[in-house]
Amino acid sequence: MSDSSKLLSLLGLCRAASLCSFGHGAAKSALREKKAKLCLLCSDASPRLAGEFEYLAQTADVPLRKIQVNSLDIKHATQYKAAVLTINDKGFANKIIALNP
């Protein structure tokens, strides 16, 4: 199983456990409210979106990772199409960071 497949499987589990926030508004709120443990940007995120979330993640002292899957891959794995999302659980965040250092 490839790292991308493992990542998508983890995201599906994380979504089923309601431990992630999908999309601009929800991810931004999770970062501002200090719920986010990791911020993920899809490969098809716009430069403007990437810049905004790089700043927000740095301000919130949350690691940010650019992942090699696109928003359609995220939709297939989680039922939510989003170019940015946050992981709101330390365990899932650590597993994803281990897959995508």
Protein backbone atom coordinates (compact mmCIF):
# COMPACT_ATOMS: atom_id res chain seq x y z
CA MET A 1 0.00 0.00 0.00
CA SER A 2 1.43 3.39 -0.99
CA ASP A 3 1.84 6.30 1.42
CA SER A 4 -0.94 8.18 -0.41
CA SER A 5 -3.32 5.25 0.10
CA LYS A 6 -2.36 5.02 3.77
CA LEU A 7 -2.91 8.75 4.16
CA LEU A 8 -6.35 8.59 2.56
CA SER A 9 -7.29 5.62 4.76
CA LEU A 10 -6.23 7.55 7.86
CA LEU A 11 -8.24 10.57 6.72
CA GLY A 12 -11.29 8.38 6.24
CA LEU A 13 -10.95 7.03 9.79
CA CYS A 14 -10.34 10.50 11.15
CA ARG A 15 -13.47 11.79 9.41
CA ALA A 16 -15.54 8.87 10.72
CA ALA A 17 -14.40 9.78 14.23
CA SER A 18 -15.29 13.47 13.62
CA LEU A 19 -11.72 14.53 14.38
CA CYS A 20 -11.06 16.76 11.37
CA SER A 21 -12.28 20.06 9.92
CA PHE A 22 -12.75 20.36 6.15
CA GLY A 23 -12.65 23.48 4.04
CA HIS A 24 -11.59 27.06 4.45
CA GLY A 25 -14.01 28.18 7.15
CA ALA A 26 -13.90 25.09 9.35
CA ALA A 27 -10.11 24.75 9.14
CA LYS A 28 -9.63 28.44 9.90
CA SER A 29 -11.89 28.15 12.97
CA ALA A 30 -10.09 25.04 14.20
CA LEU A 31 -6.74 26.84 13.97
CA ARG A 32 -8.02 29.98 15.69
CA GLU A 33 -9.74 28.00 18.46
CA LYS A 34 -6.56 25.95 19.05
CA LYS A 35 -8.35 22.66 18.22
CA ALA A 36 -6.12 21.80 15.25
CA LYS A 37 -3.06 19.59 15.75
CA LEU A 38 -2.08 19.49 12.07
CA CYS A 39 -3.04 21.45 8.95
CA LEU A 40 -3.00 19.74 5.53
CA LEU A 41 -2.92 21.43 2.12
CA CYS A 42 -3.80 19.39 -0.96
CA SER A 43 -1.65 19.46 -4.07
CA ASP A 44 -4.30 21.50 -5.91
CA ALA A 45 -4.63 24.24 -3.27
CA SER A 46 -4.29 27.70 -4.76
CA PRO A 47 -1.23 29.80 -3.92
CA ARG A 48 -3.48 32.31 -2.13
CA LEU A 49 -5.03 29.59 0.04
CA ALA A 50 -1.61 28.07 0.74
CA GLY A 51 -0.21 31.44 1.80
CA GLU A 52 -3.15 32.17 4.06
CA PHE A 53 -2.96 28.83 5.84
CA GLU A 54 0.82 28.88 6.11
CA TYR A 55 0.41 32.13 8.04
CA LEU A 56 -2.51 30.86 10.15
CA ALA A 57 -0.74 27.59 11.02
CA GLN A 58 2.45 29.42 11.95
CA THR A 59 0.49 31.87 14.11
CA ALA A 60 -1.32 28.99 15.86
CA ASP A 61 1.98 27.03 16.21
CA VAL A 62 0.48 24.08 14.31
CA PRO A 63 2.51 22.02 11.81
CA LEU A 64 1.44 22.33 8.18
CA ARG A 65 2.06 19.66 5.54
CA LYS A 66 1.52 19.83 1.80
CA ILE A 67 0.23 16.43 0.77
CA GLN A 68 0.55 14.74 -2.61
CA VAL A 69 -3.16 14.07 -3.05
CA ASN A 70 -5.73 16.41 -4.55
CA SER A 71 -9.11 17.54 -3.29
CA LEU A 72 -10.94 14.91 -5.38
CA ASP A 73 -8.89 12.16 -3.70
CA ILE A 74 -9.91 13.66 -0.35
CA LYS A 75 -13.56 13.60 -1.46
CA HIS A 76 -13.38 9.91 -2.40
CA ALA A 77 -11.85 9.05 0.98
CA THR A 78 -13.97 11.28 3.23
CA GLN A 79 -17.06 12.45 1.29
CA TYR A 80 -15.86 16.07 1.66
CA LYS A 81 -14.14 17.95 -1.14
CA ALA A 82 -11.63 20.33 0.40
CA ALA A 83 -8.20 21.67 -0.52
CA VAL A 84 -7.41 22.42 3.13
CA LEU A 85 -8.25 20.52 6.29
CA THR A 86 -7.12 20.22 9.86
CA ILE A 87 -6.64 17.14 11.99
CA ASN A 88 -7.95 17.81 15.49
CA ASP A 89 -6.47 14.78 17.26
CA LYS A 90 -2.84 14.38 18.30
CA GLY A 91 -2.72 10.62 17.56
CA PHE A 92 -4.00 10.95 14.00
CA ALA A 93 -1.78 14.01 13.47
CA ASN A 94 1.33 12.09 14.56
CA LYS A 95 0.51 9.15 12.24
CA ILE A 96 0.01 11.50 9.28
CA ILE A 97 3.24 13.39 10.02
CA ALA A 98 5.07 10.04 10.13
CA LEU A 99 3.72 9.23 6.64
CA ASN A 100 4.43 12.70 5.26
CA PRO A 101 7.53 14.12 7.05
